C-alpha atoms as a PDB file:
ATOM      1  CA  MET A   1    -125.671  86.280 153.811  1.00  0.00           C
ATOM      2  CA  SER A   2    -128.640  84.955 155.711  1.00  0.00           C
ATOM      3  CA  VAL A   3    -132.244  86.289 156.364  1.00  0.00           C
ATOM      4  CA  ARG A   4    -132.403  88.979 159.095  1.00  0.00           C
ATOM      5  CA  PHE A   5    -135.303  89.321 161.393  1.00  0.00           C
ATOM      6  CA  GLY A   6    -136.514  91.807 163.508  1.00  0.00           C
ATOM      7  CA  PRO A   7    -139.708  94.055 164.693  1.00  0.00           C
ATOM      8  CA  ALA A   8    -141.342  97.210 163.352  1.00  0.00           C
ATOM      9  CA  GLY A   9    -141.054  99.526 166.370  1.00  0.00           C
ATOM     10  CA  GLN A  10    -140.807  98.562 170.193  1.00  0.00           C
ATOM     11  CA  ALA A  11    -142.418  95.267 171.285  1.00  0.00           C
ATOM     12  CA  ASP A  12    -144.664  95.216 174.441  1.00  0.00           C
ATOM     13  CA  ASN A  13    -141.980  93.023 175.982  1.00  0.00           C
ATOM     14  CA  TYR A  14    -139.296  95.983 175.899  1.00  0.00           C
ATOM     15  CA  LYS A  15    -139.651  97.866 179.346  1.00  0.00           C
ATOM     16  CA  GLY A  16    -136.770 100.232 178.502  1.00  0.00           C
ATOM     17  CA  LYS A  17    -137.604 103.883 177.963  1.00  0.00           C
ATOM     18  CA  SER A  18    -134.755 104.690 175.697  1.00  0.00           C
ATOM     19  CA  SER A  19    -134.983 104.026 171.986  1.00  0.00           C
ATOM     20  CA  ALA A  20    -131.225 104.050 171.756  1.00  0.00           C
ATOM     21  CA  LYS A  21    -131.025 101.027 174.293  1.00  0.00           C
ATOM     22  CA  TYR A  22    -133.427  99.058 172.066  1.00  0.00           C
ATOM     23  CA  PRO A  23    -130.829  97.621 169.679  1.00  0.00           C
ATOM     24  CA  ALA A  24    -128.832  95.951 172.460  1.00  0.00           C
ATOM     25  CA  TRP A  25    -132.196  94.488 174.002  1.00  0.00           C
ATOM     26  CA  LEU A  26    -132.858  93.096 170.447  1.00  0.00           C
ATOM     27  CA  ALA A  27    -129.574  91.619 170.037  1.00  0.00           C
ATOM     28  CA  GLU A  28    -130.175  90.007 173.394  1.00  0.00           C
ATOM     29  CA  GLN A  29    -133.275  88.249 172.249  1.00  0.00           C
ATOM     30  CA  GLY A  30    -131.389  86.813 169.078  1.00  0.00           C
ATOM     31  CA  LEU A  31    -132.761  89.475 166.664  1.00  0.00           C
ATOM     32  CA  ASP A  32    -130.796  91.347 164.034  1.00  0.00           C
ATOM     33  CA  ALA A  33    -133.055  93.898 162.339  1.00  0.00           C
ATOM     34  CA  PHE A  34    -135.204  96.813 163.257  1.00  0.00           C
ATOM     35  CA  GLU A  35    -137.508  99.243 161.378  1.00  0.00           C
ATOM     36  CA  TYR A  36    -137.862 102.520 163.254  1.00  0.00           C
ATOM     37  CA  GLN A  37    -141.304 103.705 162.920  1.00  0.00           C
ATOM     38  CA  CYS A  38    -141.948 107.568 161.486  1.00  0.00           C
ATOM     39  CA  GLY A  39    -145.379 106.406 160.472  1.00  0.00           C
ATOM     40  CA  LYS A  40    -147.358 109.395 162.197  1.00  0.00           C
ATOM     41  CA  GLY A  41    -144.637 111.807 161.165  1.00  0.00           C
ATOM     42  CA  VAL A  42    -140.871 112.126 161.385  1.00  0.00           C
ATOM     43  CA  ASN A  43    -140.254 113.435 164.760  1.00  0.00           C
ATOM     44  CA  VAL A  44    -137.112 112.105 165.953  1.00  0.00           C
ATOM     45  CA  GLY A  45    -134.137 114.259 166.428  1.00  0.00           C
ATOM     46  CA  GLU A  46    -130.606 114.026 165.056  1.00  0.00           C
ATOM     47  CA  GLU A  47    -129.132 113.347 168.533  1.00  0.00           C
ATOM     48  CA  THR A  48    -131.547 110.508 169.217  1.00  0.00           C
ATOM     49  CA  ALA A  49    -131.178 109.078 165.619  1.00  0.00           C
ATOM     50  CA  ARG A  50    -127.473 109.140 165.716  1.00  0.00           C
ATOM     51  CA  ALA A  51    -127.594 107.327 169.193  1.00  0.00           C
ATOM     52  CA  VAL A  52    -130.121 104.681 167.639  1.00  0.00           C
ATOM     53  CA  GLY A  53    -127.660 104.215 164.849  1.00  0.00           C
ATOM     54  CA  GLU A  54    -124.394 103.891 166.899  1.00  0.00           C
ATOM     55  CA  ALA A  55    -126.161 101.353 169.166  1.00  0.00           C
ATOM     56  CA  ALA A  56    -127.408  99.594 166.076  1.00  0.00           C
ATOM     57  CA  ARG A  57    -123.848  99.292 164.629  1.00  0.00           C
ATOM     58  CA  THR A  58    -122.393  98.159 167.877  1.00  0.00           C
ATOM     59  CA  HIS A  59    -124.866  95.429 168.218  1.00  0.00           C
ATOM     60  CA  GLY A  60    -125.231  94.202 164.571  1.00  0.00           C
ATOM     61  CA  ILE A  61    -128.622  95.386 164.007  1.00  0.00           C
ATOM     62  CA  ALA A  62    -129.589  96.235 160.564  1.00  0.00           C
ATOM     63  CA  LEU A  63    -131.852  99.494 160.431  1.00  0.00           C
ATOM     64  CA  SER A  64    -134.623 100.339 158.322  1.00  0.00           C
ATOM     65  CA  LEU A  65    -137.125 103.296 158.728  1.00  0.00           C
ATOM     66  CA  HIS A  66    -140.739 103.571 157.981  1.00  0.00           C
ATOM     67  CA  ALA A  67    -141.799 106.900 156.325  1.00  0.00           C
ATOM     68  CA  PRO A  68    -145.034 108.496 157.182  1.00  0.00           C
ATOM     69  CA  TYR A  69    -148.190 106.605 156.371  1.00  0.00           C
ATOM     70  CA  PHE A  70    -150.120 109.576 154.960  1.00  0.00           C
ATOM     71  CA  ILE A  71    -147.654 109.389 151.772  1.00  0.00           C
ATOM     72  CA  ASN A  72    -149.867 109.210 148.498  1.00  0.00           C
ATOM     73  CA  LEU A  73    -147.662 108.697 145.338  1.00  0.00           C
ATOM     74  CA  ALA A  74    -150.949 108.111 143.359  1.00  0.00           C
ATOM     75  CA  ASN A  75    -152.290 111.853 144.122  1.00  0.00           C
ATOM     76  CA  PRO A  76    -151.553 114.023 140.807  1.00  0.00           C
ATOM     77  CA  ASP A  77    -152.139 117.294 142.712  1.00  0.00           C
ATOM     78  CA  PRO A  78    -148.971 119.276 142.742  1.00  0.00           C
ATOM     79  CA  GLU A  79    -149.215 120.388 146.092  1.00  0.00           C
ATOM     80  CA  SER A  80    -149.650 116.736 147.482  1.00  0.00           C
ATOM     81  CA  LEU A  81    -146.664 115.634 145.562  1.00  0.00           C
ATOM     82  CA  LYS A  82    -144.660 118.501 147.237  1.00  0.00           C
ATOM     83  CA  LYS A  83    -145.850 117.227 150.642  1.00  0.00           C
ATOM     84  CA  THR A  84    -145.069 113.775 149.718  1.00  0.00           C
ATOM     85  CA  THR A  85    -141.526 114.722 148.588  1.00  0.00           C
ATOM     86  CA  GLY A  86    -141.048 116.419 151.751  1.00  0.00           C
ATOM     87  CA  TYR A  87    -142.098 113.727 153.997  1.00  0.00           C
ATOM     88  CA  ILE A  88    -139.964 111.242 152.170  1.00  0.00           C
ATOM     89  CA  LEU A  89    -136.751 113.579 152.263  1.00  0.00           C
ATOM     90  CA  ALA A  90    -137.512 114.067 156.016  1.00  0.00           C
ATOM     91  CA  ALA A  91    -137.666 110.127 156.395  1.00  0.00           C
ATOM     92  CA  CYS A  92    -134.481 109.932 154.497  1.00  0.00           C
ATOM     93  CA  GLN A  93    -132.796 112.476 156.721  1.00  0.00           C
ATOM     94  CA  ALA A  94    -133.561 110.567 159.666  1.00  0.00           C
ATOM     95  CA  ALA A  95    -132.355 107.292 158.073  1.00  0.00           C
ATOM     96  CA  ASP A  96    -128.995 109.088 157.128  1.00  0.00           C
ATOM     97  CA  TRP A  97    -128.532 110.193 160.686  1.00  0.00           C
ATOM     98  CA  MET A  98    -129.225 106.608 161.796  1.00  0.00           C
ATOM     99  CA  GLY A  99    -127.162 104.794 159.258  1.00  0.00           C
ATOM    100  CA  ALA A 100    -130.547 103.040 158.124  1.00  0.00           C
ATOM    101  CA  THR A 101    -130.114 101.792 154.666  1.00  0.00           C
ATOM    102  CA  ARG A 102    -133.965 101.156 153.661  1.00  0.00           C
ATOM    103  CA  VAL A 103    -136.897 103.386 153.708  1.00  0.00           C
ATOM    104  CA  THR A 104    -140.277 101.829 153.547  1.00  0.00           C
ATOM    105  CA  VAL A 105    -142.830 103.963 151.646  1.00  0.00           C
ATOM    106  CA  HIS A 106    -146.559 103.586 151.090  1.00  0.00           C
ATOM    107  CA  THR A 107    -147.820 103.704 147.621  1.00  0.00           C
ATOM    108  CA  GLY A 108    -151.281 105.529 147.918  1.00  0.00           C
ATOM    109  CA  ALA A 109    -154.903 105.272 147.428  1.00  0.00           C
ATOM    110  CA  LEU A 110    -156.951 104.922 144.070  1.00  0.00           C
ATOM    111  CA  MET A 111    -158.949 108.060 144.875  1.00  0.00           C
ATOM    112  CA  LYS A 112    -161.748 106.857 142.547  1.00  0.00           C
ATOM    113  CA  ARG A 113    -159.285 106.273 139.611  1.00  0.00           C
ATOM    114  CA  THR A 114    -158.689 103.025 137.867  1.00  0.00           C
ATOM    115  CA  ARG A 115    -155.610 100.949 139.037  1.00  0.00           C
ATOM    116  CA  ARG A 116    -153.826 101.892 135.909  1.00  0.00           C
ATOM    117  CA  GLU A 117    -154.471 105.462 136.178  1.00  0.00           C
ATOM    118  CA  ALA A 118    -153.290 105.436 139.804  1.00  0.00           C
ATOM    119  CA  LEU A 119    -150.192 103.508 139.232  1.00  0.00           C
ATOM    120  CA  ASP A 120    -149.250 105.760 136.064  1.00  0.00           C
ATOM    121  CA  ILE A 121    -149.500 108.711 138.520  1.00  0.00           C
ATOM    122  CA  ALA A 122    -147.579 107.133 141.088  1.00  0.00           C
ATOM    123  CA  LYS A 123    -144.781 106.062 138.713  1.00  0.00           C
ATOM    124  CA  ARG A 124    -144.486 109.814 137.614  1.00  0.00           C
ATOM    125  CA  SER A 125    -144.408 110.865 141.271  1.00  0.00           C
ATOM    126  CA  LEU A 126    -141.874 108.369 142.251  1.00  0.00           C
ATOM    127  CA  ARG A 127    -139.569 109.354 139.478  1.00  0.00           C
ATOM    128  CA  GLU A 128    -139.762 113.029 140.854  1.00  0.00           C
ATOM    129  CA  VAL A 129    -139.115 111.740 144.470  1.00  0.00           C
ATOM    130  CA  LEU A 130    -136.134 109.925 143.171  1.00  0.00           C
ATOM    131  CA  ALA A 131    -134.701 113.031 141.692  1.00  0.00           C
ATOM    132  CA  ALA A 132    -135.246 114.955 144.756  1.00  0.00           C
ATOM    133  CA  CYS A 133    -133.573 112.450 147.003  1.00  0.00           C
ATOM    134  CA  ASP A 134    -130.526 112.613 144.386  1.00  0.00           C
ATOM    135  CA  GLY A 135    -130.529 116.186 144.819  1.00  0.00           C
ATOM    136  CA  ALA A 136    -130.500 116.203 148.531  1.00  0.00           C
ATOM    137  CA  GLY A 137    -127.701 113.690 148.736  1.00  0.00           C
ATOM    138  CA  PHE A 138    -129.818 110.711 149.761  1.00  0.00           C
ATOM    139  CA  GLY A 139    -129.514 108.868 146.362  1.00  0.00           C
ATOM    140  CA  TYR A 140    -127.518 105.969 148.259  1.00  0.00           C
ATOM    141  CA  LEU A 141    -130.632 104.901 150.093  1.00  0.00           C
ATOM    142  CA  THR A 142    -132.913 102.308 149.102  1.00  0.00           C
ATOM    143  CA  LEU A 143    -136.551 103.261 149.095  1.00  0.00           C
ATOM    144  CA  CYS A 144    -139.090 100.215 149.296  1.00  0.00           C
ATOM    145  CA  PRO A 145    -142.393 100.860 148.077  1.00  0.00           C
ATOM    146  CA  GLU A 146    -144.734  98.630 150.003  1.00  0.00           C
ATOM    147  CA  THR A 147    -147.552  96.227 148.967  1.00  0.00           C
ATOM    148  CA  MET A 148    -150.751  97.382 150.784  1.00  0.00           C
ATOM    149  CA  GLY A 149    -153.638  95.580 152.403  1.00  0.00           C
ATOM    150  CA  LYS A 150    -156.727  97.357 151.552  1.00  0.00           C
ATOM    151  CA  ILE A 151    -158.487  96.764 148.515  1.00  0.00           C
ATOM    152  CA  ASN A 152    -158.834 100.346 147.437  1.00  0.00           C
ATOM    153  CA  GLN A 153    -155.257 101.147 147.834  1.00  0.00           C
ATOM    154  CA  LEU A 154    -152.565 100.985 145.182  1.00  0.00           C
ATOM    155  CA  GLY A 155    -150.119  98.329 145.832  1.00  0.00           C
ATOM    156  CA  ASP A 156    -150.878  94.954 144.819  1.00  0.00           C
ATOM    157  CA  LEU A 157    -147.738  92.728 144.117  1.00  0.00           C
ATOM    158  CA  ASP A 158    -147.507  93.463 140.515  1.00  0.00           C
ATOM    159  CA  GLU A 159    -148.199  97.222 141.047  1.00  0.00           C
ATOM    160  CA  VAL A 160    -145.319  97.447 143.616  1.00  0.00           C
ATOM    161  CA  LEU A 161    -142.753  95.645 141.236  1.00  0.00           C
ATOM    162  CA  GLU A 162    -143.902  97.804 138.367  1.00  0.00           C
ATOM    163  CA  LEU A 163    -142.978 100.850 140.463  1.00  0.00           C
ATOM    164  CA  CYS A 164    -139.502  98.984 141.350  1.00  0.00           C
ATOM    165  CA  GLN A 165    -138.738  98.799 137.686  1.00  0.00           C
ATOM    166  CA  LEU A 166    -138.349 102.456 137.557  1.00  0.00           C
ATOM    167  CA  ASP A 167    -134.859 102.152 139.099  1.00  0.00           C
ATOM    168  CA  GLU A 168    -132.406  99.692 139.833  1.00  0.00           C
ATOM    169  CA  ARG A 169    -131.887 101.147 143.552  1.00  0.00           C
ATOM    170  CA  LEU A 170    -135.578 100.280 144.384  1.00  0.00           C
ATOM    171  CA  LEU A 171    -136.461  97.087 146.433  1.00  0.00           C
ATOM    172  CA  PRO A 172    -140.101  96.108 147.007  1.00  0.00           C
ATOM    173  CA  CYS A 173    -141.311  95.855 150.574  1.00  0.00           C
ATOM    174  CA  ILE A 174    -143.343  92.843 150.300  1.00  0.00           C
ATOM    175  CA  ASP A 175    -145.897  92.662 152.942  1.00  0.00           C
ATOM    176  CA  PHE A 176    -147.222  89.054 153.045  1.00  0.00           C
ATOM    177  CA  GLY A 177    -149.951  89.864 155.679  1.00  0.00           C
ATOM    178  CA  HIS A 178    -151.065  92.696 153.299  1.00  0.00           C
ATOM    179  CA  LEU A 179    -151.404  90.494 150.245  1.00  0.00           C
ATOM    180  CA  TYR A 180    -153.268  87.760 152.261  1.00  0.00           C
ATOM    181  CA  ALA A 181    -155.751  90.547 153.390  1.00  0.00           C
ATOM    182  CA  ARG A 182    -156.434  92.258 150.087  1.00  0.00           C
ATOM    183  CA  SER A 183    -156.928  88.689 148.420  1.00  0.00           C
ATOM    184  CA  LEU A 184    -159.218  87.931 151.169  1.00  0.00           C
ATOM    185  CA  GLY A 185    -157.009  85.000 152.383  1.00  0.00           C
ATOM    186  CA  GLU A 186    -156.080  83.611 148.899  1.00  0.00           C
ATOM    187  CA  LEU A 187    -152.387  84.593 148.901  1.00  0.00           C
ATOM    188  CA  GLU A 188    -151.321  81.913 151.557  1.00  0.00           C
ATOM    189  CA  GLY A 189    -149.703  78.632 151.493  1.00  0.00           C
ATOM    190  CA  LEU A 190    -146.567  77.222 149.836  1.00  0.00           C
ATOM    191  CA  GLU A 191    -147.999  77.236 146.213  1.00  0.00           C
ATOM    192  CA  ALA A 192    -149.049  80.917 146.492  1.00  0.00           C
ATOM    193  CA  THR A 193    -145.821  82.021 148.237  1.00  0.00           C
ATOM    194  CA  ALA A 194    -143.523  80.191 145.829  1.00  0.00           C
ATOM    195  CA  ALA A 195    -145.643  81.976 142.830  1.00  0.00           C
ATOM    196  CA  MET A 196    -145.117  85.202 144.488  1.00  0.00           C
ATOM    197  CA  LEU A 197    -141.507  84.970 144.911  1.00  0.00           C
ATOM    198  CA  ASP A 198    -141.213  83.574 141.343  1.00  0.00           C
ATOM    199  CA  ARG A 199    -142.791  86.855 140.081  1.00  0.00           C
ATOM    200  CA  VAL A 200    -140.542  88.918 141.994  1.00  0.00           C
ATOM    201  CA  GLU A 201    -137.522  87.154 140.493  1.00  0.00           C
ATOM    202  CA  GLU A 202    -139.223  87.302 137.171  1.00  0.00           C
ATOM    203  CA  LEU A 203    -139.538  91.105 137.098  1.00  0.00           C
ATOM    204  CA  LEU A 204    -136.566  92.228 139.082  1.00  0.00           C
ATOM    205  CA  GLY A 205    -134.030  89.564 138.357  1.00  0.00           C
ATOM    206  CA  PRO A 206    -132.464  87.232 140.892  1.00  0.00           C
ATOM    207  CA  ASP A 207    -130.108  89.726 142.719  1.00  0.00           C
ATOM    208  CA  ARG A 208    -132.762  92.239 143.751  1.00  0.00           C
ATOM    209  CA  ALA A 209    -135.291  89.436 144.347  1.00  0.00           C
ATOM    210  CA  SER A 210    -133.087  87.684 146.690  1.00  0.00           C
ATOM    211  CA  ARG A 211    -132.649  91.038 148.838  1.00  0.00           C
ATOM    212  CA  PHE A 212    -136.405  92.014 148.980  1.00  0.00           C
ATOM    213  CA  HIS A 213    -137.352  94.019 152.146  1.00  0.00           C
ATOM    214  CA  SER A 214    -140.610  92.531 153.868  1.00  0.00           C
ATOM    215  CA  HIS A 215    -143.129  92.937 156.506  1.00  0.00           C
ATOM    216  CA  PHE A 216    -144.998  89.960 158.069  1.00  0.00           C
ATOM    217  CA  SER A 217    -147.862  89.503 160.377  1.00  0.00           C
ATOM    218  CA  LYS A 218    -151.108  87.921 160.602  1.00  0.00           C
ATOM    219  CA  ILE A 219    -154.218  90.352 159.608  1.00  0.00           C
ATOM    220  CA  ALA A 220    -157.748  90.211 160.066  1.00  0.00           C
ATOM    221  CA  PHE A 221    -159.628  91.303 156.998  1.00  0.00           C
ATOM    222  CA  THR A 222    -163.219  92.122 155.905  1.00  0.00           C
ATOM    223  CA  PRO A 223    -164.793  90.906 152.765  1.00  0.00           C
ATOM    224  CA  ASN A 224    -165.390  94.336 151.148  1.00  0.00           C
ATOM    225  CA  GLY A 225    -162.319  96.116 152.359  1.00  0.00           C
ATOM    226  CA  GLY A 226    -159.266  93.843 153.030  1.00  0.00           C
ATOM    227  CA  GLU A 227    -156.910  94.678 155.865  1.00  0.00           C
ATOM    228  CA  LYS A 228    -158.920  95.421 159.195  1.00  0.00           C
ATOM    229  CA  VAL A 229    -156.227  94.826 162.027  1.00  0.00           C
ATOM    230  CA  HIS A 230    -152.970  93.326 162.752  1.00  0.00           C
ATOM    231  CA  LEU A 231    -152.931  90.196 164.884  1.00  0.00           C
ATOM    232  CA  THR A 232    -150.436  88.218 166.740  1.00  0.00           C
ATOM    233  CA  PHE A 233    -149.137  84.681 165.900  1.00  0.00           C
ATOM    234  CA  ASP A 234    -151.177  83.166 168.719  1.00  0.00           C
ATOM    235  CA  GLN A 235    -154.270  84.330 167.108  1.00  0.00           C
ATOM    236  CA  THR A 236    -155.326  81.688 164.623  1.00  0.00           C
ATOM    237  CA  ASP A 237    -158.586  82.856 162.967  1.00  0.00           C
ATOM    238  CA  PHE A 238    -156.509  84.421 160.204  1.00  0.00           C
ATOM    239  CA  GLY A 239    -153.223  84.187 158.526  1.00  0.00           C
ATOM    240  CA  PRO A 240    -150.900  83.838 156.818  1.00  0.00           C
ATOM    241  CA  ASP A 241    -148.815  81.166 158.131  1.00  0.00           C
ATOM    242  CA  PRO A 242    -145.094  82.138 158.103  1.00  0.00           C
ATOM    243  CA  ALA A 243    -143.917  78.513 157.675  1.00  0.00           C
ATOM    244  CA  PRO A 244    -144.170  78.420 153.777  1.00  0.00           C
ATOM    245  CA  LEU A 245    -142.355  81.793 153.346  1.00  0.00           C
ATOM    246  CA  MET A 246    -139.536  80.463 155.638  1.00  0.00           C
ATOM    247  CA  GLY A 247    -139.159  77.269 153.838  1.00  0.00           C
ATOM    248  CA  GLU A 248    -139.108  78.928 150.564  1.00  0.00           C
ATOM    249  CA  LEU A 249    -136.361  81.320 151.555  1.00  0.00           C
ATOM    250  CA  ALA A 250    -134.304  78.340 152.740  1.00  0.00           C
ATOM    251  CA  ARG A 251    -134.693  76.490 149.515  1.00  0.00           C
ATOM    252  CA  ARG A 252    -133.876  79.379 147.457  1.00  0.00           C
ATOM    253  CA  GLY A 253    -130.984  80.779 149.505  1.00  0.00           C
ATOM    254  CA  TRP A 254    -132.368  84.106 149.516  1.00  0.00           C
ATOM    255  CA  SER A 255    -131.314  86.910 152.162  1.00  0.00           C
ATOM    256  CA  PRO A 256    -134.157  89.331 152.728  1.00  0.00           C
ATOM    257  CA  THR A 257    -134.878  91.303 155.551  1.00  0.00           C
ATOM    258  CA  ILE A 258    -138.124  90.211 157.559  1.00  0.00           C
ATOM    259  CA  ILE A 259    -139.757  92.728 159.678  1.00  0.00           C
ATOM    260  CA  CYS A 260    -142.287  91.652 161.942  1.00  0.00           C
ATOM    261  CA  GLU A 261    -145.499  93.937 162.404  1.00  0.00           C
ATOM    262  CA  SER A 262    -147.513  91.790 164.740  1.00  0.00           C
ATOM    263  CA  ALA A 263    -149.468  93.544 167.306  1.00  0.00           C
ATOM    264  CA  GLY A 264    -147.241  93.998 170.394  1.00  0.00           C
ATOM    265  CA  THR A 265    -145.667  90.629 170.037  1.00  0.00           C
ATOM    266  CA  GLN A 266    -143.300  91.454 167.153  1.00  0.00           C
ATOM    267  CA  ASP A 267    -140.217  90.413 168.837  1.00  0.00           C
ATOM    268  CA  VAL A 268    -141.601  87.009 169.897  1.00  0.00           C
ATOM    269  CA  ASP A 269    -143.051  86.420 166.530  1.00  0.00           C
ATOM    270  CA  ALA A 270    -139.884  87.569 164.682  1.00  0.00           C
ATOM    271  CA  LEU A 271    -137.914  84.995 166.676  1.00  0.00           C
ATOM    272  CA  THR A 272    -140.681  82.489 165.581  1.00  0.00           C
ATOM    273  CA  MET A 273    -140.036  82.984 162.083  1.00  0.00           C
ATOM    274  CA  LYS A 274    -136.230  82.861 162.627  1.00  0.00           C
ATOM    275  CA  GLU A 275    -136.668  79.413 164.131  1.00  0.00           C
ATOM    276  CA  LEU A 276    -138.758  78.148 161.282  1.00  0.00           C
ATOM    277  CA  TYR A 277    -136.112  79.344 158.870  1.00  0.00           C
ATOM    278  CA  LEU A 278    -133.239  77.937 160.722  1.00  0.00           C
ATOM    279  CA  THR A 279    -135.086  74.748 160.939  1.00  0.00           C
ATOM    280  CA  ALA A 280    -135.808  74.614 157.188  1.00  0.00           C
ATOM    281  CA  MET A 281    -132.136  75.415 156.602  1.00  0.00           C
ATOM    282  CA  LEU A 282    -131.134  72.641 158.871  1.00  0.00           C
ATOM    283  CA  GLY A 283    -133.302  70.289 156.902  1.00  0.00           C
ATOM    284  CA  ARG A 284    -131.639  71.015 153.681  1.00  0.00           C
ATOM    285  CA  GLU A 285    -128.271  70.741 155.065  1.00  0.00           C
ATOM    286  CA  ASN A 286    -129.210  67.288 156.471  1.00  0.00           C
ATOM    287  CA  PRO A 287    -131.880  65.644 154.498  1.00  0.00           C
ATOM    288  CA  ALA A 288    -133.264  62.420 155.898  1.00  0.00           C
END
């Protein structure tokens, strides 16, 4: 297997109106993954979802789906957990209709708790969510807890990896832009990238590490809060640079799915990452 690349949502370059025709357009661009966005709620109907899924299968596009943004696994309130579970089950239902195999899930906010307290609550919540997914027949889907970009959110790399240790079916959604932003620019470059990937392998093992899910974009940050806004690769004031990650993936022979979340240019920037990866692969196969 090789790395798959694609956008989150519909890029500005796509002029079509039908989401069911988007997979064909992506394949024409040379991409082979797509993350359907349900961040503001699961509003896609069964007919549309099945049409998107059929088009994706026809054109070789691997589908994932982003669950609603307002999920908070770190809220201990029973009513909040009930809502969170409902949001995730709705996302899983849409993913099932589409034939998407991965559902990306936000981890939540600290809500004035210590990071340890929030993480322990999230672990309990995620266990209940997994049981609910099993009960609803969605146990075959891979939930992907996401690393988050704001400092006051749960979801640094180690926290997400600890969540993923709850069940072998879980895979991390490593958002390298988020990690860069919440570290105020420290988690960037070859050394930091290699260390992050080493950590994933250490805690999850080589098989799951090699198949991780990922978001990537440049992200502007503020000194006090972390993530501010997603950028495009053409904007150079902030990082991270995608080249170190592409080189490391080629060196390790890993095959994650890389979803680009650039602001409107997610198709173009996904192709840039694919080209960087293929160049790195070519360099390994034909060393000077």
